[in-house]
């Protein structure tokens, strides 16, 4: 799972195990993205959609999560961080 929110958003609450690569860094950090199927998320879905396009253009297998981060825990994803 790739979290494309800003670092401060990721630090406050995040999905356990998600790799944080902020959307503004993604084009130059595609090589840092884990191999395999990628689930991409942000706070509301917009940045995840942009990130999915960037990763797809780089030949990666992407699933964009088009939902609010506020719903992550409701669907069973484990959150960690000070606000989790």
PDB file of N, CA and C in Angstrom:
ATOM      1  N   UNK A   1       0.840  -1.162   0.000  1.00  0.00           N
ATOM      2  CA  UNK A   1       0.000   0.000   0.000  1.00  0.00           C
ATOM      3  C   UNK A   1       0.893   1.235   0.000  1.00  0.00           C
ATOM      4  N   UNK A   2       0.545   2.202  -0.844  1.00  0.00           N
ATOM      5  CA  UNK A   2       1.295   3.447  -0.942  1.00  0.00           C
ATOM      6  C   UNK A   2       0.381   4.595  -0.523  1.00  0.00           C
ATOM      7  N   UNK A   3       0.839   5.358   0.438  1.00  0.00           N
ATOM      8  CA  UNK A   3       0.131   6.527   0.955  1.00  0.00           C
ATOM      9  C   UNK A   3       0.756   7.753   0.291  1.00  0.00           C
ATOM     10  N   UNK A   4      -0.006   8.465  -0.535  1.00  0.00           N
ATOM     11  CA  UNK A   4       0.552   9.609  -1.259  1.00  0.00           C
ATOM     12  C   UNK A   4       0.171  10.943  -0.611  1.00  0.00           C
ATOM     13  N   UNK A   5      -0.251  10.900   0.652  1.00  0.00           N
ATOM     14  CA  UNK A   5      -0.528  12.133   1.385  1.00  0.00           C
ATOM     15  C   UNK A   5       0.787  12.790   1.801  1.00  0.00           C
ATOM     16  N   UNK A   6       0.691  14.052   2.262  1.00  0.00           N
ATOM     17  CA  UNK A   6       1.884  14.747   2.779  1.00  0.00           C
ATOM     18  C   UNK A   6       2.420  13.986   3.995  1.00  0.00           C
ATOM     19  N   UNK A   7       3.696  14.167   4.290  1.00  0.00           N
ATOM     20  CA  UNK A   7       4.323  13.475   5.415  1.00  0.00           C
ATOM     21  C   UNK A   7       3.626  13.793   6.733  1.00  0.00           C
ATOM     22  N   UNK A   8       3.187  15.035   6.944  1.00  0.00           N
ATOM     23  CA  UNK A   8       2.526  15.379   8.201  1.00  0.00           C
ATOM     24  C   UNK A   8       1.175  14.665   8.334  1.00  0.00           C
ATOM     25  N   UNK A   9       0.480  14.468   7.222  1.00  0.00           N
ATOM     26  CA  UNK A   9      -0.776  13.718   7.263  1.00  0.00           C
ATOM     27  C   UNK A   9      -0.501  12.266   7.626  1.00  0.00           C
ATOM     28  N   UNK A  10       0.516  11.701   6.996  1.00  0.00           N
ATOM     29  CA  UNK A  10       0.892  10.304   7.243  1.00  0.00           C
ATOM     30  C   UNK A  10       1.330  10.113   8.691  1.00  0.00           C
ATOM     31  N   UNK A  11       2.081  11.071   9.221  1.00  0.00           N
ATOM     32  CA  UNK A  11       2.577  10.948  10.592  1.00  0.00           C
ATOM     33  C   UNK A  11       1.459  11.008  11.624  1.00  0.00           C
ATOM     34  N   UNK A  12       0.382  11.734  11.316  1.00  0.00           N
ATOM     35  CA  UNK A  12      -0.695  11.881  12.300  1.00  0.00           C
ATOM     36  C   UNK A  12      -1.540  10.610  12.421  1.00  0.00           C
ATOM     37  N   UNK A  13      -1.792   9.937  11.308  1.00  0.00           N
ATOM     38  CA  UNK A  13      -2.538   8.666  11.308  1.00  0.00           C
ATOM     39  C   UNK A  13      -2.308   8.010   9.964  1.00  0.00           C
ATOM     40  N   UNK A  14      -2.067   6.711   9.982  1.00  0.00           N
ATOM     41  CA  UNK A  14      -1.758   6.007   8.728  1.00  0.00           C
ATOM     42  C   UNK A  14      -2.223   4.567   8.815  1.00  0.00           C
ATOM     43  N   UNK A  15      -2.370   3.962   7.647  1.00  0.00           N
ATOM     44  CA  UNK A  15      -2.701   2.553   7.569  1.00  0.00           C
ATOM     45  C   UNK A  15      -1.427   1.766   7.851  1.00  0.00           C
ATOM     46  N   UNK A  16      -1.520   0.858   8.785  1.00  0.00           N
ATOM     47  CA  UNK A  16      -0.350   0.074   9.186  1.00  0.00           C
ATOM     48  C   UNK A  16       0.286  -0.589   7.966  1.00  0.00           C
ATOM     49  N   UNK A  17       1.586  -0.395   7.803  1.00  0.00           N
ATOM     50  CA  UNK A  17       2.343  -0.999   6.722  1.00  0.00           C
ATOM     51  C   UNK A  17       2.401  -0.184   5.447  1.00  0.00           C
ATOM     52  N   UNK A  18       1.655   0.920   5.371  1.00  0.00           N
ATOM     53  CA  UNK A  18       1.669   1.742   4.161  1.00  0.00           C
ATOM     54  C   UNK A  18       3.003   2.468   4.019  1.00  0.00           C
ATOM     55  N   UNK A  19       3.491   2.536   2.790  1.00  0.00           N
ATOM     56  CA  UNK A  19       4.713   3.282   2.466  1.00  0.00           C
ATOM     57  C   UNK A  19       4.287   4.689   2.081  1.00  0.00           C
ATOM     58  N   UNK A  20       4.886   5.696   2.704  1.00  0.00           N
ATOM     59  CA  UNK A  20       4.525   7.087   2.407  1.00  0.00           C
ATOM     60  C   UNK A  20       5.474   7.678   1.373  1.00  0.00           C
ATOM     61  N   UNK A  21       4.926   7.990   0.209  1.00  0.00           N
ATOM     62  CA  UNK A  21       5.639   8.734  -0.830  1.00  0.00           C
ATOM     63  C   UNK A  21       4.674   9.837  -1.267  1.00  0.00           C
ATOM     64  N   UNK A  22       4.865  11.055  -0.738  1.00  0.00           N
ATOM     65  CA  UNK A  22       3.948  12.149  -1.083  1.00  0.00           C
ATOM     66  C   UNK A  22       3.841  12.338  -2.592  1.00  0.00           C
ATOM     67  N   UNK A  23       2.634  12.692  -3.045  1.00  0.00           N
ATOM     68  CA  UNK A  23       2.357  12.811  -4.472  1.00  0.00           C
ATOM     69  C   UNK A  23       3.357  13.716  -5.178  1.00  0.00           C
ATOM     70  N   UNK A  24       3.784  14.802  -4.520  1.00  0.00           N
ATOM     71  CA  UNK A  24       4.717  15.723  -5.177  1.00  0.00           C
ATOM     72  C   UNK A  24       6.115  15.113  -5.351  1.00  0.00           C
ATOM     73  N   UNK A  25       6.414  14.038  -4.638  1.00  0.00           N
ATOM     74  CA  UNK A  25       7.704  13.354  -4.769  1.00  0.00           C
ATOM     75  C   UNK A  25       7.627  12.129  -5.675  1.00  0.00           C
ATOM     76  N   UNK A  26       6.428  11.650  -5.942  1.00  0.00           N
ATOM     77  CA  UNK A  26       6.251  10.380  -6.643  1.00  0.00           C
ATOM     78  C   UNK A  26       6.928  10.305  -8.006  1.00  0.00           C
ATOM     79  N   UNK A  27       6.820  11.319  -8.879  1.00  0.00           N
ATOM     80  CA  UNK A  27       7.448  11.183 -10.199  1.00  0.00           C
ATOM     81  C   UNK A  27       8.945  10.871 -10.142  1.00  0.00           C
ATOM     82  N   UNK A  28       9.635  11.426  -9.171  1.00  0.00           N
ATOM     83  CA  UNK A  28      11.087  11.174  -9.078  1.00  0.00           C
ATOM     84  C   UNK A  28      11.425   9.982  -8.177  1.00  0.00           C
ATOM     85  N   UNK A  29      10.404   9.418  -7.500  1.00  0.00           N
ATOM     86  CA  UNK A  29      10.653   8.311  -6.579  1.00  0.00           C
ATOM     87  C   UNK A  29       9.943   7.020  -6.971  1.00  0.00           C
ATOM     88  N   UNK A  30       9.555   6.893  -8.225  1.00  0.00           N
ATOM     89  CA  UNK A  30       8.864   5.679  -8.674  1.00  0.00           C
ATOM     90  C   UNK A  30       9.693   4.436  -8.340  1.00  0.00           C
ATOM     91  N   UNK A  31      11.005   4.532  -8.409  1.00  0.00           N
ATOM     92  CA  UNK A  31      11.867   3.381  -8.102  1.00  0.00           C
ATOM     93  C   UNK A  31      11.769   2.968  -6.630  1.00  0.00           C
ATOM     94  N   UNK A  32      11.302   3.862  -5.752  1.00  0.00           N
ATOM     95  CA  UNK A  32      11.164   3.550  -4.321  1.00  0.00           C
ATOM     96  C   UNK A  32       9.861   2.830  -4.002  1.00  0.00           C
ATOM     97  N   UNK A  33       8.969   2.747  -4.973  1.00  0.00           N
ATOM     98  CA  UNK A  33       7.670   2.118  -4.768  1.00  0.00           C
ATOM     99  C   UNK A  33       7.849   0.596  -4.792  1.00  0.00           C
ATOM    100  N   UNK A  34       7.268  -0.099  -3.803  1.00  0.00           N
ATOM    101  CA  UNK A  34       7.405  -1.563  -3.770  1.00  0.00           C
ATOM    102  C   UNK A  34       6.895  -2.226  -5.057  1.00  0.00           C
ATOM    103  N   UNK A  35       7.452  -3.379  -5.372  1.00  0.00           N
ATOM    104  CA  UNK A  35       7.028  -4.155  -6.545  1.00  0.00           C
ATOM    105  C   UNK A  35       5.688  -4.820  -6.273  1.00  0.00           C
ATOM    106  N   UNK A  36       5.054  -5.288  -7.334  1.00  0.00           N
ATOM    107  CA  UNK A  36       3.801  -6.017  -7.214  1.00  0.00           C
ATOM    108  C   UNK A  36       2.594  -5.111  -7.329  1.00  0.00           C
ATOM    109  N   UNK A  37       1.425  -5.662  -7.021  1.00  0.00           N
ATOM    110  CA  UNK A  37       0.190  -4.893  -7.074  1.00  0.00           C
ATOM    111  C   UNK A  37       0.242  -3.786  -6.021  1.00  0.00           C
ATOM    112  N   UNK A  38      -0.086  -2.580  -6.441  1.00  0.00           N
ATOM    113  CA  UNK A  38      -0.014  -1.425  -5.554  1.00  0.00           C
ATOM    114  C   UNK A  38      -1.396  -0.879  -5.262  1.00  0.00           C
ATOM    115  N   UNK A  39      -1.716  -0.762  -4.003  1.00  0.00           N
ATOM    116  CA  UNK A  39      -2.933  -0.090  -3.567  1.00  0.00           C
ATOM    117  C   UNK A  39      -2.492   1.305  -3.170  1.00  0.00           C
ATOM    118  N   UNK A  40      -3.090   2.312  -3.780  1.00  0.00           N
ATOM    119  CA  UNK A  40      -2.680   3.700  -3.567  1.00  0.00           C
ATOM    120  C   UNK A  40      -3.816   4.453  -2.891  1.00  0.00           C
ATOM    121  N   UNK A  41      -3.485   5.208  -1.837  1.00  0.00           N
ATOM    122  CA  UNK A  41      -4.531   5.986  -1.164  1.00  0.00           C
ATOM    123  C   UNK A  41      -4.016   7.363  -0.773  1.00  0.00           C
ATOM    124  N   UNK A  42      -4.970   8.253  -0.525  1.00  0.00           N
ATOM    125  CA  UNK A  42      -4.695   9.590  -0.009  1.00  0.00           C
ATOM    126  C   UNK A  42      -5.802   9.908   0.990  1.00  0.00           C
ATOM    127  N   UNK A  43      -6.155  11.179   1.130  1.00  0.00           N
ATOM    128  CA  UNK A  43      -7.207  11.542   2.084  1.00  0.00           C
ATOM    129  C   UNK A  43      -8.606  11.429   1.485  1.00  0.00           C
ATOM    130  N   UNK A  44      -8.754  11.768   0.209  1.00  0.00           N
ATOM    131  CA  UNK A  44     -10.098  11.796  -0.370  1.00  0.00           C
ATOM    132  C   UNK A  44     -10.230  11.072  -1.702  1.00  0.00           C
ATOM    133  N   UNK A  45      -9.131  10.688  -2.318  1.00  0.00           N
ATOM    134  CA  UNK A  45      -9.175   9.963  -3.586  1.00  0.00           C
ATOM    135  C   UNK A  45      -8.545  10.700  -4.755  1.00  0.00           C
ATOM    136  N   UNK A  46      -8.483  12.031  -4.690  1.00  0.00           N
ATOM    137  CA  UNK A  46      -7.953  12.802  -5.820  1.00  0.00           C
ATOM    138  C   UNK A  46      -6.467  12.504  -6.062  1.00  0.00           C
ATOM    139  N   UNK A  47      -5.658  12.638  -5.019  1.00  0.00           N
ATOM    140  CA  UNK A  47      -4.214  12.396  -5.179  1.00  0.00           C
ATOM    141  C   UNK A  47      -3.931  10.939  -5.520  1.00  0.00           C
ATOM    142  N   UNK A  48      -4.744  10.023  -4.983  1.00  0.00           N
ATOM    143  CA  UNK A  48      -4.568   8.605  -5.319  1.00  0.00           C
ATOM    144  C   UNK A  48      -4.800   8.376  -6.802  1.00  0.00           C
ATOM    145  N   UNK A  49      -5.777   9.072  -7.384  1.00  0.00           N
ATOM    146  CA  UNK A  49      -6.043   8.947  -8.814  1.00  0.00           C
ATOM    147  C   UNK A  49      -4.880   9.454  -9.650  1.00  0.00           C
ATOM    148  N   UNK A  50      -4.308  10.583  -9.252  1.00  0.00           N
ATOM    149  CA  UNK A  50      -3.150  11.133  -9.951  1.00  0.00           C
ATOM    150  C   UNK A  50      -1.965  10.171  -9.809  1.00  0.00           C
ATOM    151  N   UNK A  51      -1.744   9.678  -8.590  1.00  0.00           N
ATOM    152  CA  UNK A  51      -0.640   8.744  -8.349  1.00  0.00           C
ATOM    153  C   UNK A  51      -0.819   7.466  -9.159  1.00  0.00           C
ATOM    154  N   UNK A  52      -2.052   6.968  -9.233  1.00  0.00           N
ATOM    155  CA  UNK A  52      -2.314   5.763 -10.017  1.00  0.00           C
ATOM    156  C   UNK A  52      -1.946   5.991 -11.478  1.00  0.00           C
ATOM    157  N   UNK A  53      -2.240   7.161 -12.007  1.00  0.00           N
ATOM    158  CA  UNK A  53      -1.882   7.480 -13.398  1.00  0.00           C
ATOM    159  C   UNK A  53      -0.373   7.500 -13.589  1.00  0.00           C
ATOM    160  N   UNK A  54       0.339   8.107 -12.640  1.00  0.00           N
ATOM    161  CA  UNK A  54       1.805   8.169 -12.716  1.00  0.00           C
ATOM    162  C   UNK A  54       2.389   6.758 -12.683  1.00  0.00           C
ATOM    163  N   UNK A  55       1.910   5.953 -11.763  1.00  0.00           N
ATOM    164  CA  UNK A  55       2.436   4.593 -11.616  1.00  0.00           C
ATOM    165  C   UNK A  55       2.058   3.706 -12.798  1.00  0.00           C
ATOM    166  N   UNK A  56       0.842   3.860 -13.300  1.00  0.00           N
ATOM    167  CA  UNK A  56       0.420   3.107 -14.477  1.00  0.00           C
ATOM    168  C   UNK A  56       1.301   3.448 -15.675  1.00  0.00           C
ATOM    169  N   UNK A  57       1.610   4.725 -15.856  1.00  0.00           N
ATOM    170  CA  UNK A  57       2.473   5.150 -16.956  1.00  0.00           C
ATOM    171  C   UNK A  57       3.883   4.580 -16.812  1.00  0.00           C
ATOM    172  N   UNK A  58       4.272   4.274 -15.566  1.00  0.00           N
ATOM    173  CA  UNK A  58       5.581   3.673 -15.305  1.00  0.00           C
ATOM    174  C   UNK A  58       5.538   2.154 -15.422  1.00  0.00           C
ATOM    175  N   UNK A  59       4.374   1.620 -15.835  1.00  0.00           N
ATOM    176  CA  UNK A  59       4.257   0.177 -16.041  1.00  0.00           C
ATOM    177  C   UNK A  59       3.937  -0.618 -14.794  1.00  0.00           C
ATOM    178  N   UNK A  60       3.463   0.038 -13.759  1.00  0.00           N
ATOM    179  CA  UNK A  60       3.166  -0.647 -12.504  1.00  0.00           C
ATOM    180  C   UNK A  60       1.709  -1.087 -12.457  1.00  0.00           C
ATOM    181  N   UNK A  61       1.412  -2.115 -11.674  1.00  0.00           N
ATOM    182  CA  UNK A  61       0.064  -2.645 -11.502  1.00  0.00           C
ATOM    183  C   UNK A  61      -0.577  -1.915 -10.317  1.00  0.00           C
ATOM    184  N   UNK A  62      -1.613  -1.100 -10.580  1.00  0.00           N
ATOM    185  CA  UNK A  62      -2.135  -0.177  -9.573  1.00  0.00           C
ATOM    186  C   UNK A  62      -3.622  -0.371  -9.314  1.00  0.00           C
ATOM    187  N   UNK A  63      -3.985  -0.245  -8.044  1.00  0.00           N
ATOM    188  CA  UNK A  63      -5.373  -0.162  -7.620  1.00  0.00           C
ATOM    189  C   UNK A  63      -5.479   1.149  -6.840  1.00  0.00           C
ATOM    190  N   UNK A  64      -6.265   2.099  -7.323  1.00  0.00           N
ATOM    191  CA  UNK A  64      -6.471   3.357  -6.609  1.00  0.00           C
ATOM    192  C   UNK A  64      -7.644   3.194  -5.666  1.00  0.00           C
ATOM    193  N   UNK A  65      -7.473   3.600  -4.433  1.00  0.00           N
ATOM    194  CA  UNK A  65      -8.555   3.574  -3.463  1.00  0.00           C
ATOM    195  C   UNK A  65      -9.259   4.918  -3.552  1.00  0.00           C
ATOM    196  N   UNK A  66     -10.447   4.913  -4.100  1.00  0.00           N
ATOM    197  CA  UNK A  66     -11.206   6.141  -4.327  1.00  0.00           C
ATOM    198  C   UNK A  66     -12.233   6.309  -3.218  1.00  0.00           C
ATOM    199  N   UNK A  67     -11.747   6.655  -2.044  1.00  0.00           N
ATOM    200  CA  UNK A  67     -12.620   6.819  -0.892  1.00  0.00           C
ATOM    201  C   UNK A  67     -11.922   7.734   0.107  1.00  0.00           C
ATOM    202  N   UNK A  68     -12.639   8.164   1.108  1.00  0.00           N
ATOM    203  CA  UNK A  68     -12.093   9.019   2.150  1.00  0.00           C
ATOM    204  C   UNK A  68     -11.231   8.206   3.114  1.00  0.00           C
ATOM    205  N   UNK A  69     -10.084   8.755   3.497  1.00  0.00           N
ATOM    206  CA  UNK A  69      -9.218   8.098   4.471  1.00  0.00           C
ATOM    207  C   UNK A  69      -9.974   7.867   5.773  1.00  0.00           C
ATOM    208  N   UNK A  70     -10.935   8.729   6.071  1.00  0.00           N
ATOM    209  CA  UNK A  70     -11.718   8.585   7.294  1.00  0.00           C
ATOM    210  C   UNK A  70     -12.470   7.258   7.345  1.00  0.00           C
ATOM    211  N   UNK A  71     -12.677   6.619   6.202  1.00  0.00           N
ATOM    212  CA  UNK A  71     -13.383   5.339   6.164  1.00  0.00           C
ATOM    213  C   UNK A  71     -12.458   4.132   6.299  1.00  0.00           C
ATOM    214  N   UNK A  72     -11.149   4.346   6.336  1.00  0.00           N
ATOM    215  CA  UNK A  72     -10.195   3.232   6.358  1.00  0.00           C
ATOM    216  C   UNK A  72     -10.440   2.292   7.526  1.00  0.00           C
ATOM    217  N   UNK A  73     -10.579   2.843   8.703  1.00  0.00           N
ATOM    218  CA  UNK A  73     -10.775   1.998   9.879  1.00  0.00           C
ATOM    219  C   UNK A  73     -12.133   1.303   9.842  1.00  0.00           C
ATOM    220  N   UNK A  74     -13.131   1.973   9.291  1.00  0.00           N
ATOM    221  CA  UNK A  74     -14.478   1.396   9.208  1.00  0.00           C
ATOM    222  C   UNK A  74     -14.509   0.130   8.361  1.00  0.00           C
ATOM    223  N   UNK A  75     -13.594   0.021   7.378  1.00  0.00           N
ATOM    224  CA  UNK A  75     -13.565  -1.171   6.522  1.00  0.00           C
ATOM    225  C   UNK A  75     -12.542  -2.204   6.991  1.00  0.00           C
ATOM    226  N   UNK A  76     -11.973  -1.986   8.176  1.00  0.00           N
ATOM    227  CA  UNK A  76     -11.112  -2.991   8.769  1.00  0.00           C
ATOM    228  C   UNK A  76      -9.623  -2.794   8.597  1.00  0.00           C
ATOM    229  N   UNK A  77      -9.202  -1.660   8.045  1.00  0.00           N
ATOM    230  CA  UNK A  77      -7.764  -1.397   7.934  1.00  0.00           C
ATOM    231  C   UNK A  77      -7.261  -0.871   9.276  1.00  0.00           C
ATOM    232  N   UNK A  78      -6.139  -1.406   9.736  1.00  0.00           N
ATOM    233  CA  UNK A  78      -5.596  -1.035  11.036  1.00  0.00           C
ATOM    234  C   UNK A  78      -4.826   0.272  10.916  1.00  0.00           C
ATOM    235  N   UNK A  79      -5.221   1.290  11.704  1.00  0.00           N
ATOM    236  CA  UNK A  79      -4.541   2.581  11.681  1.00  0.00           C
ATOM    237  C   UNK A  79      -3.584   2.670  12.854  1.00  0.00           C
ATOM    238  N   UNK A  80      -2.470   3.379  12.627  1.00  0.00           N
ATOM    239  CA  UNK A  80      -1.495   3.657  13.666  1.00  0.00           C
ATOM    240  C   UNK A  80      -1.160   5.138  13.628  1.00  0.00           C
ATOM    241  N   UNK A  81      -0.556   5.638  14.694  1.00  0.00           N
ATOM    242  CA  UNK A  81      -0.177   7.044  14.767  1.00  0.00           C
ATOM    243  C   UNK A  81      -0.914   7.730  15.905  1.00  0.00           C
ATOM    244  N   UNK A  82      -0.484   8.949  16.241  1.00  0.00           N
ATOM    245  CA  UNK A  82      -1.054   9.665  17.387  1.00  0.00           C
ATOM    246  C   UNK A  82      -2.568   9.903  17.289  1.00  0.00           C
ATOM    247  N   UNK A  83      -3.093  10.089  16.091  1.00  0.00           N
ATOM    248  CA  UNK A  83      -4.517  10.378  15.953  1.00  0.00           C
ATOM    249  C   UNK A  83      -5.346   9.126  15.623  1.00  0.00           C
ATOM    250  N   UNK A  84      -4.693   7.978  15.556  1.00  0.00           N
ATOM    251  CA  UNK A  84      -5.399   6.741  15.205  1.00  0.00           C
ATOM    252  C   UNK A  84      -6.239   6.243  16.355  1.00  0.00           C
TER     253      UNK A  84
END
